[in-house]
Amino acid sequence: MACSRAEALSLFRSLLRVASTFKDYNIRSYARRRTIDGFRENQTLSDPSSISAAFSDGKAQLVVATRQALVYDIYAPTTKSVMETLGV
């Protein structure tokens, strides 16, 4: 079963939301960039089985990212990145 456009957008927003919870600028921007790049890479898929596989992979990545955000929150560094101090 292929996912609908609404489900894909919901997954996209959820991944971006989780990415924004990382306290470290570098990890936060990497997760955001990886999410955007992954969706751009898969936007041309037309085969229902490959769409379903990509959607399942995205959901698995959401679970992993959520878990990493929680664990990283415990061990996050207390100093800010130079990029954060510059207000970028």
PDB file of N, CA and C in Angstrom:
ATOM      1  N   MET A   1       0.841  -1.183   0.000  1.00  0.00           N
ATOM      2  CA  MET A   1       0.000   0.000   0.000  1.00  0.00           C
ATOM      3  C   MET A   1       0.884   1.243   0.000  1.00  0.00           C
ATOM      4  N   ALA A   2       0.667   2.109  -0.951  1.00  0.00           N
ATOM      5  CA  ALA A   2       1.418   3.358  -1.037  1.00  0.00           C
ATOM      6  C   ALA A   2       0.818   4.387  -0.081  1.00  0.00           C
ATOM      7  N   CYS A   3       1.656   5.261   0.398  1.00  0.00           N
ATOM      8  CA  CYS A   3       1.165   6.281   1.318  1.00  0.00           C
ATOM      9  C   CYS A   3       0.570   7.443   0.534  1.00  0.00           C
ATOM     10  N   SER A   4      -0.293   8.163   1.186  1.00  0.00           N
ATOM     11  CA  SER A   4      -0.903   9.328   0.544  1.00  0.00           C
ATOM     12  C   SER A   4       0.006  10.537   0.707  1.00  0.00           C
ATOM     13  N   ARG A   5      -0.302  11.570  -0.028  1.00  0.00           N
ATOM     14  CA  ARG A   5       0.475  12.808   0.056  1.00  0.00           C
ATOM     15  C   ARG A   5       0.408  13.387   1.468  1.00  0.00           C
ATOM     16  N   ALA A   6      -0.761  13.314   2.082  1.00  0.00           N
ATOM     17  CA  ALA A   6      -0.929  13.844   3.437  1.00  0.00           C
ATOM     18  C   ALA A   6      -0.069  13.075   4.438  1.00  0.00           C
ATOM     19  N   GLU A   7       0.024  11.763   4.278  1.00  0.00           N
ATOM     20  CA  GLU A   7       0.851  10.963   5.177  1.00  0.00           C
ATOM     21  C   GLU A   7       2.332  11.303   4.993  1.00  0.00           C
ATOM     22  N   ALA A   8       2.746  11.501   3.743  1.00  0.00           N
ATOM     23  CA  ALA A   8       4.139  11.855   3.465  1.00  0.00           C
ATOM     24  C   ALA A   8       4.470  13.222   4.056  1.00  0.00           C
ATOM     25  N   LEU A   9       3.565  14.181   3.905  1.00  0.00           N
ATOM     26  CA  LEU A   9       3.799  15.516   4.480  1.00  0.00           C
ATOM     27  C   LEU A   9       3.827  15.469   6.005  1.00  0.00           C
ATOM     28  N   SER A  10       2.986  14.635   6.575  1.00  0.00           N
ATOM     29  CA  SER A  10       2.977  14.485   8.024  1.00  0.00           C
ATOM     30  C   SER A  10       4.293  13.899   8.512  1.00  0.00           C
ATOM     31  N   LEU A  11       4.801  12.906   7.795  1.00  0.00           N
ATOM     32  CA  LEU A  11       6.089  12.310   8.145  1.00  0.00           C
ATOM     33  C   LEU A  11       7.202  13.345   8.004  1.00  0.00           C
ATOM     34  N   PHE A  12       7.176  14.128   6.943  1.00  0.00           N
ATOM     35  CA  PHE A  12       8.163  15.176   6.705  1.00  0.00           C
ATOM     36  C   PHE A  12       8.166  16.184   7.852  1.00  0.00           C
ATOM     37  N   ARG A  13       6.989  16.643   8.223  1.00  0.00           N
ATOM     38  CA  ARG A  13       6.884  17.615   9.319  1.00  0.00           C
ATOM     39  C   ARG A  13       7.354  17.014  10.640  1.00  0.00           C
ATOM     40  N   SER A  14       7.013  15.748  10.874  1.00  0.00           N
ATOM     41  CA  SER A  14       7.429  15.087  12.114  1.00  0.00           C
ATOM     42  C   SER A  14       8.949  14.967  12.188  1.00  0.00           C
ATOM     43  N   LEU A  15       9.576  14.617  11.065  1.00  0.00           N
ATOM     44  CA  LEU A  15      11.036  14.524  11.048  1.00  0.00           C
ATOM     45  C   LEU A  15      11.683  15.888  11.281  1.00  0.00           C
ATOM     46  N   LEU A  16      11.128  16.928  10.680  1.00  0.00           N
ATOM     47  CA  LEU A  16      11.670  18.275  10.910  1.00  0.00           C
ATOM     48  C   LEU A  16      11.464  18.715  12.354  1.00  0.00           C
ATOM     49  N   ARG A  17      10.339  18.352  12.922  1.00  0.00           N
ATOM     50  CA  ARG A  17      10.054  18.704  14.312  1.00  0.00           C
ATOM     51  C   ARG A  17      11.051  18.027  15.253  1.00  0.00           C
ATOM     52  N   VAL A  18      11.317  16.742  15.002  1.00  0.00           N
ATOM     53  CA  VAL A  18      12.290  16.030  15.831  1.00  0.00           C
ATOM     54  C   VAL A  18      13.677  16.630  15.631  1.00  0.00           C
ATOM     55  N   ALA A  19      14.014  16.985  14.405  1.00  0.00           N
ATOM     56  CA  ALA A  19      15.325  17.590  14.130  1.00  0.00           C
ATOM     57  C   ALA A  19      15.503  18.883  14.916  1.00  0.00           C
ATOM     58  N   SER A  20      14.438  19.631  15.067  1.00  0.00           N
ATOM     59  CA  SER A  20      14.537  20.909  15.775  1.00  0.00           C
ATOM     60  C   SER A  20      14.708  20.743  17.286  1.00  0.00           C
ATOM     61  N   THR A  21      14.520  19.525  17.813  1.00  0.00           N
ATOM     62  CA  THR A  21      14.652  19.328  19.256  1.00  0.00           C
ATOM     63  C   THR A  21      16.085  19.092  19.701  1.00  0.00           C
ATOM     64  N   PHE A  22      16.996  18.817  18.754  1.00  0.00           N
ATOM     65  CA  PHE A  22      18.401  18.635  19.128  1.00  0.00           C
ATOM     66  C   PHE A  22      18.968  19.963  19.598  1.00  0.00           C
ATOM     67  N   LYS A  23      19.680  19.932  20.693  1.00  0.00           N
ATOM     68  CA  LYS A  23      20.224  21.164  21.251  1.00  0.00           C
ATOM     69  C   LYS A  23      21.467  21.633  20.521  1.00  0.00           C
ATOM     70  N   ASP A  24      22.247  20.700  19.981  1.00  0.00           N
ATOM     71  CA  ASP A  24      23.483  21.042  19.287  1.00  0.00           C
ATOM     72  C   ASP A  24      23.170  21.512  17.874  1.00  0.00           C
ATOM     73  N   TYR A  25      23.725  22.655  17.503  1.00  0.00           N
ATOM     74  CA  TYR A  25      23.468  23.248  16.195  1.00  0.00           C
ATOM     75  C   TYR A  25      23.853  22.308  15.059  1.00  0.00           C
ATOM     76  N   ASN A  26      25.024  21.679  15.161  1.00  0.00           N
ATOM     77  CA  ASN A  26      25.510  20.816  14.091  1.00  0.00           C
ATOM     78  C   ASN A  26      24.595  19.620  13.865  1.00  0.00           C
ATOM     79  N   ILE A  27      24.175  18.972  14.913  1.00  0.00           N
ATOM     80  CA  ILE A  27      23.301  17.812  14.786  1.00  0.00           C
ATOM     81  C   ILE A  27      21.920  18.251  14.317  1.00  0.00           C
ATOM     82  N   ARG A  28      21.435  19.361  14.846  1.00  0.00           N
ATOM     83  CA  ARG A  28      20.123  19.878  14.448  1.00  0.00           C
ATOM     84  C   ARG A  28      20.098  20.197  12.959  1.00  0.00           C
ATOM     85  N   SER A  29      21.137  20.870  12.466  1.00  0.00           N
ATOM     86  CA  SER A  29      21.150  21.233  11.052  1.00  0.00           C
ATOM     87  C   SER A  29      21.387  20.010  10.169  1.00  0.00           C
ATOM     88  N   TYR A  30      22.181  19.040  10.638  1.00  0.00           N
ATOM     89  CA  TYR A  30      22.381  17.814   9.865  1.00  0.00           C
ATOM     90  C   TYR A  30      21.073  17.045   9.723  1.00  0.00           C
ATOM     91  N   ALA A  31      20.343  16.896  10.818  1.00  0.00           N
ATOM     92  CA  ALA A  31      19.080  16.144  10.771  1.00  0.00           C
ATOM     93  C   ALA A  31      18.073  16.843   9.864  1.00  0.00           C
ATOM     94  N   ARG A  32      18.028  18.147   9.923  1.00  0.00           N
ATOM     95  CA  ARG A  32      17.124  18.910   9.057  1.00  0.00           C
ATOM     96  C   ARG A  32      17.515  18.750   7.590  1.00  0.00           C
ATOM     97  N   ARG A  33      18.808  18.899   7.319  1.00  0.00           N
ATOM     98  CA  ARG A  33      19.304  18.774   5.945  1.00  0.00           C
ATOM     99  C   ARG A  33      19.090  17.364   5.401  1.00  0.00           C
ATOM    100  N   ARG A  34      19.326  16.347   6.235  1.00  0.00           N
ATOM    101  CA  ARG A  34      19.148  14.952   5.815  1.00  0.00           C
ATOM    102  C   ARG A  34      17.684  14.653   5.512  1.00  0.00           C
ATOM    103  N   THR A  35      16.779  15.226   6.290  1.00  0.00           N
ATOM    104  CA  THR A  35      15.349  15.050   6.049  1.00  0.00           C
ATOM    105  C   THR A  35      14.955  15.652   4.708  1.00  0.00           C
ATOM    106  N   ILE A  36      15.353  16.880   4.474  1.00  0.00           N
ATOM    107  CA  ILE A  36      15.006  17.567   3.223  1.00  0.00           C
ATOM    108  C   ILE A  36      15.603  16.843   2.027  1.00  0.00           C
ATOM    109  N   ASP A  37      16.873  16.453   2.135  1.00  0.00           N
ATOM    110  CA  ASP A  37      17.528  15.750   1.028  1.00  0.00           C
ATOM    111  C   ASP A  37      16.882  14.400   0.752  1.00  0.00           C
ATOM    112  N   GLY A  38      16.502  13.682   1.797  1.00  0.00           N
ATOM    113  CA  GLY A  38      15.860  12.383   1.623  1.00  0.00           C
ATOM    114  C   GLY A  38      14.524  12.495   0.908  1.00  0.00           C
ATOM    115  N   PHE A  39      13.750  13.501   1.254  1.00  0.00           N
ATOM    116  CA  PHE A  39      12.462  13.678   0.597  1.00  0.00           C
ATOM    117  C   PHE A  39      12.624  14.164  -0.839  1.00  0.00           C
ATOM    118  N   ARG A  40      13.600  15.012  -1.085  1.00  0.00           N
ATOM    119  CA  ARG A  40      13.855  15.447  -2.469  1.00  0.00           C
ATOM    120  C   ARG A  40      14.304  14.279  -3.335  1.00  0.00           C
ATOM    121  N   GLU A  41      15.112  13.410  -2.756  1.00  0.00           N
ATOM    122  CA  GLU A  41      15.612  12.246  -3.476  1.00  0.00           C
ATOM    123  C   GLU A  41      14.474  11.300  -3.867  1.00  0.00           C
ATOM    124  N   ASN A  42      13.476  11.201  -3.010  1.00  0.00           N
ATOM    125  CA  ASN A  42      12.391  10.250  -3.241  1.00  0.00           C
ATOM    126  C   ASN A  42      11.148  10.864  -3.884  1.00  0.00           C
ATOM    127  N   GLN A  43      11.161  12.135  -4.192  1.00  0.00           N
ATOM    128  CA  GLN A  43       9.951  12.768  -4.727  1.00  0.00           C
ATOM    129  C   GLN A  43       9.600  12.293  -6.126  1.00  0.00           C
ATOM    130  N   THR A  44      10.542  11.725  -6.855  1.00  0.00           N
ATOM    131  CA  THR A  44      10.267  11.272  -8.214  1.00  0.00           C
ATOM    132  C   THR A  44       9.865   9.797  -8.279  1.00  0.00           C
ATOM    133  N   LEU A  45       9.758   9.135  -7.145  1.00  0.00           N
ATOM    134  CA  LEU A  45       9.367   7.728  -7.150  1.00  0.00           C
ATOM    135  C   LEU A  45       7.942   7.594  -7.670  1.00  0.00           C
ATOM    136  N   SER A  46       7.731   6.572  -8.506  1.00  0.00           N
ATOM    137  CA  SER A  46       6.389   6.361  -9.047  1.00  0.00           C
ATOM    138  C   SER A  46       5.882   4.937  -8.809  1.00  0.00           C
ATOM    139  N   ASP A  47       6.787   4.013  -8.552  1.00  0.00           N
ATOM    140  CA  ASP A  47       6.402   2.634  -8.300  1.00  0.00           C
ATOM    141  C   ASP A  47       5.815   2.517  -6.887  1.00  0.00           C
ATOM    142  N   PRO A  48       4.594   1.982  -6.758  1.00  0.00           N
ATOM    143  CA  PRO A  48       3.970   1.899  -5.422  1.00  0.00           C
ATOM    144  C   PRO A  48       4.802   1.129  -4.397  1.00  0.00           C
ATOM    145  N   SER A  49       5.507   0.092  -4.831  1.00  0.00           N
ATOM    146  CA  SER A  49       6.306  -0.674  -3.867  1.00  0.00           C
ATOM    147  C   SER A  49       7.515   0.126  -3.388  1.00  0.00           C
ATOM    148  N   SER A  50       8.132   0.902  -4.283  1.00  0.00           N
ATOM    149  CA  SER A  50       9.272   1.714  -3.851  1.00  0.00           C
ATOM    150  C   SER A  50       8.811   2.894  -2.989  1.00  0.00           C
ATOM    151  N   ILE A  51       7.652   3.428  -3.278  1.00  0.00           N
ATOM    152  CA  ILE A  51       7.092   4.500  -2.439  1.00  0.00           C
ATOM    153  C   ILE A  51       6.809   3.969  -1.042  1.00  0.00           C
ATOM    154  N   SER A  52       6.221   2.788  -0.984  1.00  0.00           N
ATOM    155  CA  SER A  52       5.915   2.175   0.305  1.00  0.00           C
ATOM    156  C   SER A  52       7.187   1.869   1.077  1.00  0.00           C
ATOM    157  N   ALA A  53       8.218   1.390   0.383  1.00  0.00           N
ATOM    158  CA  ALA A  53       9.491   1.093   1.049  1.00  0.00           C
ATOM    159  C   ALA A  53      10.140   2.374   1.577  1.00  0.00           C
ATOM    160  N   ALA A  54      10.100   3.442   0.786  1.00  0.00           N
ATOM    161  CA  ALA A  54      10.676   4.717   1.217  1.00  0.00           C
ATOM    162  C   ALA A  54       9.906   5.282   2.410  1.00  0.00           C
ATOM    163  N   PHE A  55       8.590   5.145   2.384  1.00  0.00           N
ATOM    164  CA  PHE A  55       7.767   5.634   3.497  1.00  0.00           C
ATOM    165  C   PHE A  55       8.071   4.841   4.772  1.00  0.00           C
ATOM    166  N   SER A  56       8.200   3.519   4.641  1.00  0.00           N
ATOM    167  CA  SER A  56       8.530   2.682   5.797  1.00  0.00           C
ATOM    168  C   SER A  56       9.901   3.035   6.346  1.00  0.00           C
ATOM    169  N   ASP A  57      10.847   3.291   5.455  1.00  0.00           N
ATOM    170  CA  ASP A  57      12.175   3.698   5.889  1.00  0.00           C
ATOM    171  C   ASP A  57      12.114   5.041   6.620  1.00  0.00           C
ATOM    172  N   GLY A  58      11.311   5.958   6.119  1.00  0.00           N
ATOM    173  CA  GLY A  58      11.153   7.254   6.778  1.00  0.00           C
ATOM    174  C   GLY A  58      10.560   7.137   8.166  1.00  0.00           C
ATOM    175  N   LYS A  59       9.585   6.252   8.311  1.00  0.00           N
ATOM    176  CA  LYS A  59       8.987   6.034   9.628  1.00  0.00           C
ATOM    177  C   LYS A  59      10.000   5.423  10.591  1.00  0.00           C
ATOM    178  N   ALA A  60      10.821   4.507  10.078  1.00  0.00           N
ATOM    179  CA  ALA A  60      11.866   3.915  10.920  1.00  0.00           C
ATOM    180  C   ALA A  60      12.887   4.981  11.318  1.00  0.00           C
ATOM    181  N   GLN A  61      13.220   5.880  10.397  1.00  0.00           N
ATOM    182  CA  GLN A  61      14.151   6.967  10.707  1.00  0.00           C
ATOM    183  C   GLN A  61      13.569   7.920  11.748  1.00  0.00           C
ATOM    184  N   LEU A  62      12.255   8.105  11.707  1.00  0.00           N
ATOM    185  CA  LEU A  62      11.594   8.954  12.703  1.00  0.00           C
ATOM    186  C   LEU A  62      11.735   8.352  14.095  1.00  0.00           C
ATOM    187  N   VAL A  63      11.552   7.061  14.203  1.00  0.00           N
ATOM    188  CA  VAL A  63      11.698   6.381  15.501  1.00  0.00           C
ATOM    189  C   VAL A  63      13.131   6.518  16.012  1.00  0.00           C
ATOM    190  N   VAL A  64      14.098   6.299  15.122  1.00  0.00           N
ATOM    191  CA  VAL A  64      15.503   6.402  15.508  1.00  0.00           C
ATOM    192  C   VAL A  64      15.843   7.839  15.921  1.00  0.00           C
ATOM    193  N   ALA A  65      15.406   8.808  15.135  1.00  0.00           N
ATOM    194  CA  ALA A  65      15.708  10.209  15.437  1.00  0.00           C
ATOM    195  C   ALA A  65      15.078  10.632  16.762  1.00  0.00           C
ATOM    196  N   THR A  66      13.872  10.173  17.021  1.00  0.00           N
ATOM    197  CA  THR A  66      13.206  10.502  18.282  1.00  0.00           C
ATOM    198  C   THR A  66      13.998   9.943  19.458  1.00  0.00           C
ATOM    199  N   ARG A  67      14.426   8.695  19.321  1.00  0.00           N
ATOM    200  CA  ARG A  67      15.213   8.065  20.380  1.00  0.00           C
ATOM    201  C   ARG A  67      16.547   8.788  20.556  1.00  0.00           C
ATOM    202  N   GLN A  68      17.204   9.134  19.465  1.00  0.00           N
ATOM    203  CA  GLN A  68      18.478   9.834  19.547  1.00  0.00           C
ATOM    204  C   GLN A  68      18.320  11.210  20.194  1.00  0.00           C
ATOM    205  N   ALA A  69      17.231  11.893  19.883  1.00  0.00           N
ATOM    206  CA  ALA A  69      17.004  13.208  20.479  1.00  0.00           C
ATOM    207  C   ALA A  69      16.857  13.101  21.990  1.00  0.00           C
ATOM    208  N   LEU A  70      16.166  12.066  22.444  1.00  0.00           N
ATOM    209  CA  LEU A  70      15.991  11.884  23.890  1.00  0.00           C
ATOM    210  C   LEU A  70      17.320  11.554  24.568  1.00  0.00           C
ATOM    211  N   VAL A  71      18.080  10.646  23.969  1.00  0.00           N
ATOM    212  CA  VAL A  71      19.365  10.266  24.558  1.00  0.00           C
ATOM    213  C   VAL A  71      20.342  11.430  24.489  1.00  0.00           C
ATOM    214  N   TYR A  72      20.368  12.109  23.357  1.00  0.00           N
ATOM    215  CA  TYR A  72      21.306  13.220  23.206  1.00  0.00           C
ATOM    216  C   TYR A  72      20.978  14.347  24.185  1.00  0.00           C
ATOM    217  N   ASP A  73      19.727  14.515  24.516  1.00  0.00           N
ATOM    218  CA  ASP A  73      19.324  15.546  25.470  1.00  0.00           C
ATOM    219  C   ASP A  73      19.981  15.314  26.831  1.00  0.00           C
ATOM    220  N   ILE A  74      20.163  14.066  27.174  1.00  0.00           N
ATOM    221  CA  ILE A  74      20.787  13.728  28.456  1.00  0.00           C
ATOM    222  C   ILE A  74      22.277  14.080  28.446  1.00  0.00           C
ATOM    223  N   TYR A  75      22.937  13.835  27.308  1.00  0.00           N
ATOM    224  CA  TYR A  75      24.385  13.995  27.226  1.00  0.00           C
ATOM    225  C   TYR A  75      24.819  15.185  26.389  1.00  0.00           C
ATOM    226  N   ALA A  76      23.957  16.110  26.143  1.00  0.00           N
ATOM    227  CA  ALA A  76      24.278  17.257  25.287  1.00  0.00           C
ATOM    228  C   ALA A  76      25.338  18.140  25.932  1.00  0.00           C
ATOM    229  N   PRO A  77      26.222  18.704  25.114  1.00  0.00           N
ATOM    230  CA  PRO A  77      27.224  19.622  25.660  1.00  0.00           C
ATOM    231  C   PRO A  77      26.560  20.899  26.156  1.00  0.00           C
ATOM    232  N   THR A  78      27.193  21.511  27.123  1.00  0.00           N
ATOM    233  CA  THR A  78      26.604  22.723  27.701  1.00  0.00           C
ATOM    234  C   THR A  78      27.036  23.987  26.974  1.00  0.00           C
ATOM    235  N   THR A  79      28.095  23.907  26.191  1.00  0.00           N
ATOM    236  CA  THR A  79      28.561  25.082  25.443  1.00  0.00           C
ATOM    237  C   THR A  79      27.847  25.158  24.101  1.00  0.00           C
ATOM    238  N   LYS A  80      27.655  26.380  23.649  1.00  0.00           N
ATOM    239  CA  LYS A  80      26.989  26.583  22.373  1.00  0.00           C
ATOM    240  C   LYS A  80      27.990  26.593  21.224  1.00  0.00           C
ATOM    241  N   SER A  81      27.495  26.280  20.052  1.00  0.00           N
ATOM    242  CA  SER A  81      28.306  26.331  18.852  1.00  0.00           C
ATOM    243  C   SER A  81      28.565  27.788  18.477  1.00  0.00           C
ATOM    244  N   VAL A  82      29.619  28.023  17.725  1.00  0.00           N
ATOM    245  CA  VAL A  82      29.928  29.375  17.256  1.00  0.00           C
ATOM    246  C   VAL A  82      28.766  29.902  16.415  1.00  0.00           C
ATOM    247  N   MET A  83      28.159  29.023  15.626  1.00  0.00           N
ATOM    248  CA  MET A  83      27.038  29.428  14.770  1.00  0.00           C
ATOM    249  C   MET A  83      25.859  29.909  15.608  1.00  0.00           C
ATOM    250  N   GLU A  84      25.630  29.264  16.743  1.00  0.00           N
ATOM    251  CA  GLU A  84      24.543  29.693  17.613  1.00  0.00           C
ATOM    252  C   GLU A  84      24.830  31.019  18.293  1.00  0.00           C
ATOM    253  N   THR A  85      26.079  31.263  18.635  1.00  0.00           N
ATOM    254  CA  THR A  85      26.403  32.522  19.288  1.00  0.00           C
ATOM    255  C   THR A  85      26.335  33.699  18.317  1.00  0.00           C
ATOM    256  N   LEU A  86      26.524  33.406  17.018  1.00  0.00           N
ATOM    257  CA  LEU A  86      26.422  34.450  16.001  1.00  0.00           C
ATOM    258  C   LEU A  86      24.977  34.730  15.619  1.00  0.00           C
ATOM    259  N   GLY A  87      24.072  33.844  16.031  1.00  0.00           N
ATOM    260  CA  GLY A  87      22.653  34.043  15.743  1.00  0.00           C
ATOM    261  C   GLY A  87      22.248  33.564  14.360  1.00  0.00           C
ATOM    262  N   VAL A  88      22.999  32.608  13.823  1.00  0.00           N
ATOM    263  CA  VAL A  88      22.682  32.076  12.485  1.00  0.00           C
ATOM    264  C   VAL A  88      21.600  31.053  12.575  1.00  0.00           C
TER     265      VAL A  88
END
